[in-house]
């Protein structure tokens, strides 16, 4: 299925309106009918939700104006859009999120710099979204950094995969620790990171202690280096990617290995299978060899079966090749198939 690619520009509110309009029908007909969306309604008008909104507006007012615009463009109640964007920020979110998740494979550049660093990412969610997500190239009119990102109806960009005009790549994996607090919504945080021009700026955002929840972030930059970042609400750990590694949907760094978290069966199986394939040398600098894998004894990495055994579905796959000159990207409907969108972001605009 073709992946729609739109280009939009304007101030924060106008960008949000355009994103909301693109996802309006899917938000009305799909999102609002999801069990996990209905489960979020128990937090409507709650003090906790109001506090997360207030913290997010204080820290990143422009991004919350984007969210205001999404609600207007989607012809939706703002609290519905806020709840949908806070779906991982609330204490029962590990249960609300179900088995959805993603898989990443990270390959560092070779020692002499002749071969680029590579990030490969499977974006997994509900099969209901197949054909309704889209790629947006966003050009802010107020001097902020533009980007190209995979988008889910009703949500701020940034929580999936994307590359910005400064040569920064971000891919995101969901995690499910039970350390929620009052603070900035994690979808606002990922959108803020997508707008950063340097990894130093991104690290400053991810290191904030006033985040409501968190994700695992994989970050590359055409100016280097290459990072895997685990950033639950309770902390932030940055590891330089110096050997090939994989990540699914639970905390795996030593610092967080004893964290109170939910580890879904799919996340456990995908993590173990990807690490086994890496150890066996199956990647050969091509992350699709792992991201397209559906063998093994456990639940599969590639989840293209509607009604599969764990309820998740691979909506899209991205591969980013990051060199000092440029970021070359390819997006796939199926990691076993051919790219359906591709492009190059020159590193010429880096700070």
Foldseek 3Di string as FASTA:
>chain_A
DFFAEEEDEEFLLRLLLVLLLLQQVCCVPPVCPDPLLVVLCVCPPHPLLVLQLVQQCVVPVRNVSSLVNSCVNSVHDSSSLSSVLQLQLDQVSQVSQFLWKKKKKWAPADPVQPFFTKIKMFHKGFPSCAPSKHWYFYYYPPPFWTWIFIGGHSADTQQAWIAILLFKTKGWIAAFFNPFDRAHRASSLRNVLNRDNDVVVNVVSLADLRYRFYTWMWMAGLVDDTWTWDRTSHGIDIDTPPHMAMAMYYDDDPVCPVTHGDDDQQRVVLRVQLVVCVVVVQCVVPCLSSCQDCDDDGGGNAACDNVDPRRMHRQKMKMWGHHNFWIKMFIGRHSVDHGSDIDIRGNPPRD
